[in-house]
Amino acid sequence: MQLPAMSRINKGLVIAFVALFVFSAILGKYDISLANIMGLSSGGLLSGKIWTVLTYAFLPHGFLECLFDGLIFWFIGSELENMWGPRRYVYFLLTTILGAAFIFLLIGLIFFANTSLAFYPLSGPAGMASTMCVAYGVLFPERTMYFFFFPLQAKWFVILLVGMNLYHGFFTPGGLFAWAQIGAMISGFLWMVFISNPNLKSLFPWTKNAGPRDPKAGSHRRSRKSKNKISHLHIVEPPSEEEPDDGDDTPPTYH
């Protein structure tokens, strides 16, 4: 089996994850917690650690998270970046990171303000990785994904992923951290709806021309649209075959 090429942004992200994981392990030998510096918590934010609304997403808190989330960035993230282009892909990731941070802090302040979880830092790229799976399931609902060793259509994989996080969010003691992933998935999905709607997109001119400028990318997107018109998870209606493709100024159709 030929492995897909890792795109430029995802290559940089995976290198950053591995480097921060190793650096965190080294600092741990000296009783220094990098998670307390980069991790996000309502207590930390109220004490002035504003940078943590971004930095928390780049620090894996375990080897398995570093490994499996890195593979998701490699396989799924690279495909999304190639379809959307680097700039639009970065917008997607930033929306996911900030959305997860907002929901995490909001739920924490409302329901966990007087518990130790309010000061326990959130860290790791799991929110971004989960949202990539959601995006993949929306774009390609009939493709096969694997839940451990069990093959599932991507749309059922996404439903299972969302259901598991909702269960953990409502019924487990550490549910606050599941809400961070739920917030990431909601934010990423809403970003896809937004970028697919030309009326909404026109309100933010800087989102235009955010995709790949390679002319081959247009034909690549058209082939993907035609292959996935059988989807039942429409966000917007697919364009007609007579509609010309005018490059990246045409918002992508998610289905």
Protein backbone atom coordinates (compact mmCIF):
# COMPACT_ATOMS: atom_id res chain seq x y z
CA MET A 1 0.00 0.00 0.00
CA GLN A 2 1.35 3.41 -0.98
CA LEU A 3 1.22 5.90 1.87
CA PRO A 4 -0.14 9.40 1.10
CA ALA A 5 2.27 12.30 1.04
CA MET A 6 2.20 14.50 4.13
CA SER A 7 1.28 18.09 3.28
CA ARG A 8 3.45 21.00 4.29
CA ILE A 9 1.41 22.38 7.20
CA ASN A 10 0.65 18.97 8.65
CA LYS A 11 4.31 18.00 8.45
CA GLY A 12 5.19 21.08 10.50
CA LEU A 13 2.42 20.34 13.01
CA VAL A 14 3.45 16.72 13.51
CA ILE A 15 7.08 17.76 14.00
CA ALA A 16 5.91 20.33 16.57
CA PHE A 17 3.82 17.72 18.41
CA VAL A 18 6.73 15.30 18.65
CA ALA A 19 9.20 18.01 19.68
CA LEU A 20 6.92 19.36 22.40
CA PHE A 21 6.16 15.87 23.66
CA VAL A 22 9.87 15.08 23.98
CA PHE A 23 10.60 18.50 25.52
CA SER A 24 7.79 18.00 28.03
CA ALA A 25 9.17 14.59 29.01
CA ILE A 26 12.64 16.09 29.54
CA LEU A 27 11.28 18.93 31.68
CA GLY A 28 9.28 16.41 33.68
CA LYS A 29 12.55 14.89 34.87
CA TYR A 30 13.21 18.22 36.60
CA ASP A 31 9.66 18.51 38.02
CA ILE A 32 8.73 21.22 35.51
CA SER A 33 5.30 20.83 33.94
CA LEU A 34 5.04 22.19 30.42
CA ALA A 35 1.28 21.53 30.59
CA ASN A 36 0.98 24.16 33.33
CA ILE A 37 2.64 26.66 31.00
CA MET A 38 0.93 25.80 27.71
CA GLY A 39 -2.24 24.03 28.88
CA LEU A 40 -5.61 25.76 29.05
CA SER A 41 -7.66 26.08 32.24
CA SER A 42 -10.14 28.64 33.51
CA GLY A 43 -7.97 29.17 36.58
CA GLY A 44 -4.87 29.71 34.47
CA LEU A 45 -6.65 32.05 32.08
CA LEU A 46 -8.00 34.17 34.95
CA SER A 47 -4.44 34.41 36.28
CA GLY A 48 -3.27 35.95 32.99
CA LYS A 49 -2.19 33.03 30.80
CA ILE A 50 -3.96 34.34 27.72
CA TRP A 51 -1.64 32.53 25.29
CA THR A 52 -2.98 29.18 26.43
CA VAL A 53 -6.15 29.58 24.30
CA LEU A 54 -3.87 28.63 21.39
CA THR A 55 -0.87 26.81 22.80
CA TYR A 56 -2.85 24.07 24.57
CA ALA A 57 -3.68 22.43 21.24
CA PHE A 58 -0.06 21.70 20.35
CA LEU A 59 1.08 19.82 23.44
CA PRO A 60 0.24 16.08 23.43
CA HIS A 61 -0.19 14.69 26.91
CA GLY A 62 0.75 11.12 26.07
CA PHE A 63 2.67 8.98 23.63
CA LEU A 64 -0.44 7.32 22.17
CA GLU A 65 -2.12 10.67 21.56
CA CYS A 66 1.02 11.91 19.83
CA LEU A 67 1.10 8.79 17.66
CA PHE A 68 -2.56 8.38 16.69
CA ASP A 69 -3.38 12.06 16.33
CA GLY A 70 -0.22 12.46 14.27
CA LEU A 71 -1.48 9.73 11.92
CA ILE A 72 -4.84 11.51 11.59
CA PHE A 73 -3.04 14.75 10.68
CA TRP A 74 -0.96 12.81 8.15
CA PHE A 75 -3.74 10.87 6.43
CA ILE A 76 -6.89 12.99 6.83
CA GLY A 77 -5.37 16.41 7.49
CA SER A 78 -3.17 16.22 4.40
CA GLU A 79 -6.18 15.42 2.21
CA LEU A 80 -8.14 18.34 3.66
CA GLU A 81 -5.22 20.72 3.16
CA ASN A 82 -4.80 19.60 -0.45
CA MET A 83 -8.50 20.17 -1.13
CA TRP A 84 -8.90 23.49 0.66
CA GLY A 85 -5.47 25.01 0.26
CA PRO A 86 -3.07 25.97 3.08
CA ARG A 87 -4.69 29.25 4.13
CA ARG A 88 -8.24 27.91 4.28
CA TYR A 89 -6.98 24.85 6.13
CA VAL A 90 -5.29 27.07 8.73
CA TYR A 91 -8.58 28.96 9.20
CA PHE A 92 -10.28 25.63 9.80
CA LEU A 93 -7.71 24.64 12.44
CA LEU A 94 -7.84 28.03 14.19
CA THR A 95 -11.63 27.91 14.29
CA THR A 96 -11.44 24.45 15.82
CA ILE A 97 -8.86 25.45 18.44
CA LEU A 98 -10.67 28.61 19.53
CA GLY A 99 -14.10 26.96 19.46
CA ALA A 100 -12.89 24.12 21.67
CA ALA A 101 -11.28 26.60 24.06
CA PHE A 102 -14.48 28.67 24.30
CA ILE A 103 -16.74 25.69 25.05
CA PHE A 104 -14.21 24.21 27.49
CA LEU A 105 -13.91 27.47 29.43
CA LEU A 106 -17.65 28.16 29.34
CA ILE A 107 -18.63 24.71 30.63
CA GLY A 108 -15.82 24.85 33.18
CA LEU A 109 -16.86 28.22 34.59
CA ILE A 110 -20.56 27.28 34.75
CA PHE A 111 -20.44 23.71 36.03
CA PHE A 112 -16.92 23.07 37.38
CA ALA A 113 -15.90 26.42 38.89
CA ASN A 114 -15.59 25.01 42.42
CA THR A 115 -13.81 21.79 41.48
CA SER A 116 -10.20 20.86 40.89
CA LEU A 117 -10.95 20.44 37.16
CA ALA A 118 -11.11 24.22 36.86
CA PHE A 119 -7.34 24.29 37.41
CA TYR A 120 -6.41 21.08 35.59
CA PRO A 121 -4.97 22.08 32.20
CA LEU A 122 -6.41 20.92 28.90
CA SER A 123 -3.78 20.02 26.33
CA GLY A 124 -3.38 18.02 23.16
CA PRO A 125 -4.43 18.07 19.48
CA ALA A 126 -7.28 15.57 20.03
CA GLY A 127 -9.91 18.24 19.35
CA MET A 128 -8.39 19.09 15.99
CA ALA A 129 -8.00 15.41 15.11
CA SER A 130 -11.63 14.62 16.02
CA THR A 131 -12.86 17.54 13.95
CA MET A 132 -10.85 16.32 10.96
CA CYS A 133 -12.69 13.00 11.26
CA VAL A 134 -16.01 14.88 11.31
CA ALA A 135 -15.01 16.89 8.24
CA TYR A 136 -13.95 13.71 6.46
CA GLY A 137 -17.24 12.03 7.32
CA VAL A 138 -19.21 14.99 5.99
CA LEU A 139 -17.22 15.20 2.78
CA PHE A 140 -16.97 11.47 2.11
CA PRO A 141 -19.76 9.74 4.07
CA GLU A 142 -19.59 6.48 2.12
CA ARG A 143 -15.87 5.90 2.53
CA THR A 144 -14.58 3.33 5.00
CA MET A 145 -12.97 4.27 8.29
CA TYR A 146 -11.86 1.92 11.05
CA PHE A 147 -12.99 1.98 14.66
CA PHE A 148 -10.13 -0.04 16.08
CA PHE A 149 -10.34 -3.07 13.75
CA PHE A 150 -13.99 -2.67 12.73
CA PRO A 151 -14.71 -1.06 9.35
CA LEU A 152 -17.47 1.55 9.32
CA GLN A 153 -18.76 3.99 6.76
CA ALA A 154 -17.37 7.41 7.58
CA LYS A 155 -20.79 8.85 8.44
CA TRP A 156 -21.37 6.13 11.07
CA PHE A 157 -17.85 6.58 12.40
CA VAL A 158 -18.59 10.28 12.95
CA ILE A 159 -21.91 9.56 14.66
CA LEU A 160 -20.15 7.06 16.95
CA LEU A 161 -17.37 9.55 17.71
CA VAL A 162 -19.85 12.31 18.60
CA GLY A 163 -21.94 9.91 20.68
CA MET A 164 -18.94 8.73 22.69
CA ASN A 165 -17.93 12.30 23.50
CA LEU A 166 -21.47 13.21 24.52
CA TYR A 167 -21.58 10.20 26.82
CA HIS A 168 -18.28 11.16 28.44
CA GLY A 169 -19.38 14.79 28.66
CA PHE A 170 -22.59 14.02 30.53
CA PHE A 171 -21.82 10.89 32.53
CA THR A 172 -18.13 10.76 33.50
CA PRO A 173 -16.28 12.73 36.21
CA GLY A 174 -13.80 14.18 33.71
CA GLY A 175 -16.52 15.15 31.26
CA LEU A 176 -15.24 18.71 31.04
CA PHE A 177 -12.47 17.56 28.69
CA ALA A 178 -14.92 15.74 26.45
CA TRP A 179 -16.76 19.04 26.04
CA ALA A 180 -13.58 20.52 24.60
CA GLN A 181 -13.70 17.94 21.78
CA ILE A 182 -17.44 18.52 21.33
CA GLY A 183 -16.76 22.25 21.04
CA ALA A 184 -14.04 21.59 18.49
CA MET A 185 -16.32 19.41 16.35
CA ILE A 186 -19.21 21.90 16.50
CA SER A 187 -16.90 24.78 15.57
CA GLY A 188 -15.35 22.89 12.66
CA PHE A 189 -18.74 21.84 11.32
CA LEU A 190 -20.08 25.40 11.54
CA TRP A 191 -16.96 26.63 9.73
CA MET A 192 -17.75 24.23 6.90
CA VAL A 193 -21.32 25.52 6.72
CA PHE A 194 -20.05 29.10 6.74
CA ILE A 195 -17.44 28.62 4.03
CA SER A 196 -19.99 26.80 1.87
CA ASN A 197 -22.44 29.72 1.96
CA PRO A 198 -21.46 32.51 -0.47
CA ASN A 199 -23.79 34.99 1.23
CA LEU A 200 -22.08 34.54 4.59
CA LYS A 201 -18.63 34.28 3.06
CA SER A 202 -19.03 37.67 1.32
CA LEU A 203 -19.17 39.34 4.75
CA PHE A 204 -15.54 38.37 5.36
CA PRO A 205 -13.49 39.24 2.23
CA TRP A 206 -10.24 37.84 3.64
CA THR A 207 -11.61 34.31 3.31
CA LYS A 208 -11.58 34.63 -0.48
CA ASN A 209 -8.70 33.28 -2.55
CA ALA A 210 -7.76 31.09 0.39
CA GLY A 211 -7.34 27.85 -1.49
CA PRO A 212 -4.79 26.20 -3.72
CA ARG A 213 -3.71 28.17 -6.76
CA ASP A 214 -2.49 25.12 -8.62
CA PRO A 215 -4.85 24.70 -11.62
CA LYS A 216 -4.79 20.94 -11.07
CA ALA A 217 -6.46 21.48 -7.71
CA GLY A 218 -9.65 22.68 -9.39
CA SER A 219 -10.01 19.50 -11.42
CA HIS A 220 -9.15 17.51 -8.29
CA ARG A 221 -12.04 19.14 -6.43
CA ARG A 222 -14.43 18.65 -9.35
CA SER A 223 -13.65 14.95 -9.47
CA ARG A 224 -14.29 14.65 -5.74
CA LYS A 225 -17.61 16.50 -6.06
CA SER A 226 -18.80 14.20 -8.81
CA LYS A 227 -17.80 11.09 -6.88
CA ASN A 228 -19.64 12.18 -3.74
CA LYS A 229 -22.97 13.45 -5.14
CA ILE A 230 -24.66 10.35 -3.78
CA SER A 231 -24.15 11.63 -0.24
CA HIS A 232 -27.17 12.00 2.00
CA LEU A 233 -25.41 14.46 4.36
CA HIS A 234 -25.94 17.58 2.26
CA ILE A 235 -25.07 20.93 3.79
CA VAL A 236 -25.64 22.79 0.54
CA GLU A 237 -26.90 21.52 -2.77
CA PRO A 238 -24.17 20.34 -5.17
CA PRO A 239 -23.56 22.61 -8.16
CA SER A 240 -24.98 21.72 -11.54
CA GLU A 241 -22.66 20.14 -14.07
CA GLU A 242 -23.09 23.15 -16.36
CA GLU A 243 -21.79 25.52 -13.69
CA PRO A 244 -18.21 26.54 -14.53
CA ASP A 245 -15.50 26.18 -11.96
CA ASP A 246 -13.94 29.60 -11.43
CA GLY A 247 -11.16 28.53 -9.13
CA ASP A 248 -10.93 28.97 -5.38
CA ASP A 249 -13.32 31.98 -5.31
CA THR A 250 -16.14 29.44 -5.60
CA PRO A 251 -16.87 28.17 -2.09
CA PRO A 252 -16.45 24.42 -1.69
CA THR A 253 -19.57 22.29 -1.54
CA TYR A 254 -19.75 20.00 1.45
CA HIS A 255 -21.91 16.92 1.17
